[in-house]
Amino acid sequence: MPGAIDAMQQRAVMVEIEEMIQSMPDYGDVREVLRSLDFIPERDNADIAIWVQPDLKIFVLLRMNLGGGYACYKVAAYDDPGGRGGEFAGYIAR
């Protein structure tokens, strides 16, 4: 049963992250929310940002626009530290 609870918590956080990203076009705001949810920046530069939440095994990948927003994102759950497998959700900003 604990595995089911962890999976439910993981999915709930993933949905929360997706909704938050879609409602915030400015990456600076997204960055602050990810930090508040204990995500760790693996890479955070002008082209791409990768944030990881190791306890829930979730990562967020954002491709940046020149103006400080993001062009698209992916929210993913992973099974192993290599990030192979898992469930993916994504969006392409217009």
Protein backbone atom coordinates (compact mmCIF):
# COMPACT_ATOMS: atom_id res chain seq x y z
CA MET A 1 0.00 0.00 0.00
CA PRO A 2 2.81 2.54 0.66
CA GLY A 3 3.87 2.28 -3.01
CA ALA A 4 0.36 3.22 -4.11
CA ILE A 5 0.34 6.23 -1.80
CA ASP A 6 3.73 7.37 -3.14
CA ALA A 7 2.49 7.00 -6.73
CA MET A 8 -0.65 9.00 -5.92
CA GLN A 9 1.43 11.74 -4.29
CA GLN A 10 3.79 11.75 -7.26
CA ARG A 11 0.90 12.13 -9.73
CA ALA A 12 -0.70 14.88 -7.62
CA VAL A 13 2.56 16.87 -7.59
CA MET A 14 3.00 16.35 -11.34
CA VAL A 15 -0.50 17.74 -12.00
CA GLU A 16 0.20 20.68 -9.67
CA ILE A 17 3.46 21.43 -11.52
CA GLU A 18 1.77 21.28 -14.94
CA GLU A 19 -1.01 23.64 -13.86
CA MET A 20 1.49 26.02 -12.30
CA ILE A 21 3.73 26.10 -15.38
CA GLN A 22 0.77 26.68 -17.71
CA SER A 23 -0.44 29.59 -15.57
CA MET A 24 2.97 31.30 -15.34
CA PRO A 25 4.52 32.43 -18.62
CA ASP A 26 7.54 33.95 -16.83
CA TYR A 27 10.28 31.45 -16.00
CA GLY A 28 11.39 33.44 -12.95
CA ASP A 29 8.05 32.74 -11.30
CA VAL A 30 8.22 29.06 -12.27
CA ARG A 31 11.74 28.84 -10.82
CA GLU A 32 10.59 30.17 -7.45
CA VAL A 33 7.67 27.72 -7.23
CA LEU A 34 9.90 24.78 -8.14
CA ARG A 35 12.33 25.77 -5.38
CA SER A 36 9.47 26.02 -2.89
CA LEU A 37 8.47 22.44 -3.80
CA ASP A 38 12.02 21.19 -3.06
CA PHE A 39 13.07 20.78 -6.69
CA ILE A 40 16.81 21.01 -7.32
CA PRO A 41 18.19 22.69 -10.45
CA GLU A 42 20.31 20.22 -12.42
CA ARG A 43 20.76 22.70 -15.25
CA ASP A 44 19.46 26.27 -15.40
CA ASN A 45 20.72 28.39 -18.26
CA ALA A 46 19.41 30.52 -21.12
CA ASP A 47 18.56 27.55 -23.37
CA ILE A 48 17.23 24.84 -21.09
CA ALA A 49 16.33 24.20 -17.47
CA ILE A 50 16.13 20.83 -15.76
CA TRP A 51 14.74 20.59 -12.23
CA VAL A 52 14.61 17.36 -10.20
CA GLN A 53 12.62 16.37 -7.12
CA PRO A 54 14.55 13.26 -6.02
CA ASP A 55 12.20 12.21 -3.20
CA LEU A 56 9.23 11.92 -5.58
CA LYS A 57 11.35 10.96 -8.62
CA ILE A 58 9.97 13.78 -10.76
CA PHE A 59 11.81 16.03 -13.17
CA VAL A 60 10.80 19.13 -15.10
CA LEU A 61 12.45 20.08 -18.39
CA LEU A 62 11.86 23.56 -19.83
CA ARG A 63 13.16 24.90 -23.14
CA MET A 64 13.62 28.67 -22.96
CA ASN A 65 12.65 31.53 -25.26
CA LEU A 66 14.90 34.56 -25.67
CA GLY A 67 12.48 36.80 -23.74
CA GLY A 68 12.68 34.94 -20.43
CA GLY A 69 9.67 32.70 -20.95
CA TYR A 70 9.65 29.09 -21.98
CA ALA A 71 8.88 27.55 -25.38
CA CYS A 72 7.79 24.13 -24.07
CA TYR A 73 8.10 21.88 -21.08
CA LYS A 74 7.94 18.27 -19.95
CA VAL A 75 7.01 16.96 -16.52
CA ALA A 76 8.13 13.38 -16.03
CA ALA A 77 8.30 10.68 -13.40
CA TYR A 78 11.25 8.35 -13.53
CA ASP A 79 11.95 4.91 -12.11
CA ASP A 80 15.71 5.08 -11.84
CA PRO A 81 18.37 7.79 -11.48
CA GLY A 82 19.08 7.58 -15.22
CA GLY A 83 15.56 8.85 -15.90
CA ARG A 84 14.65 5.90 -18.13
CA GLY A 85 11.02 4.93 -18.37
CA GLY A 86 8.24 6.68 -16.54
CA GLU A 87 5.25 8.77 -17.35
CA PHE A 88 5.56 11.95 -19.38
CA ALA A 89 3.36 15.00 -19.72
CA GLY A 90 4.22 17.99 -21.85
CA TYR A 91 3.03 21.19 -23.44
CA ILE A 92 4.20 23.38 -26.29
CA ALA A 93 3.69 27.08 -25.57
CA ARG A 94 2.18 29.14 -28.35
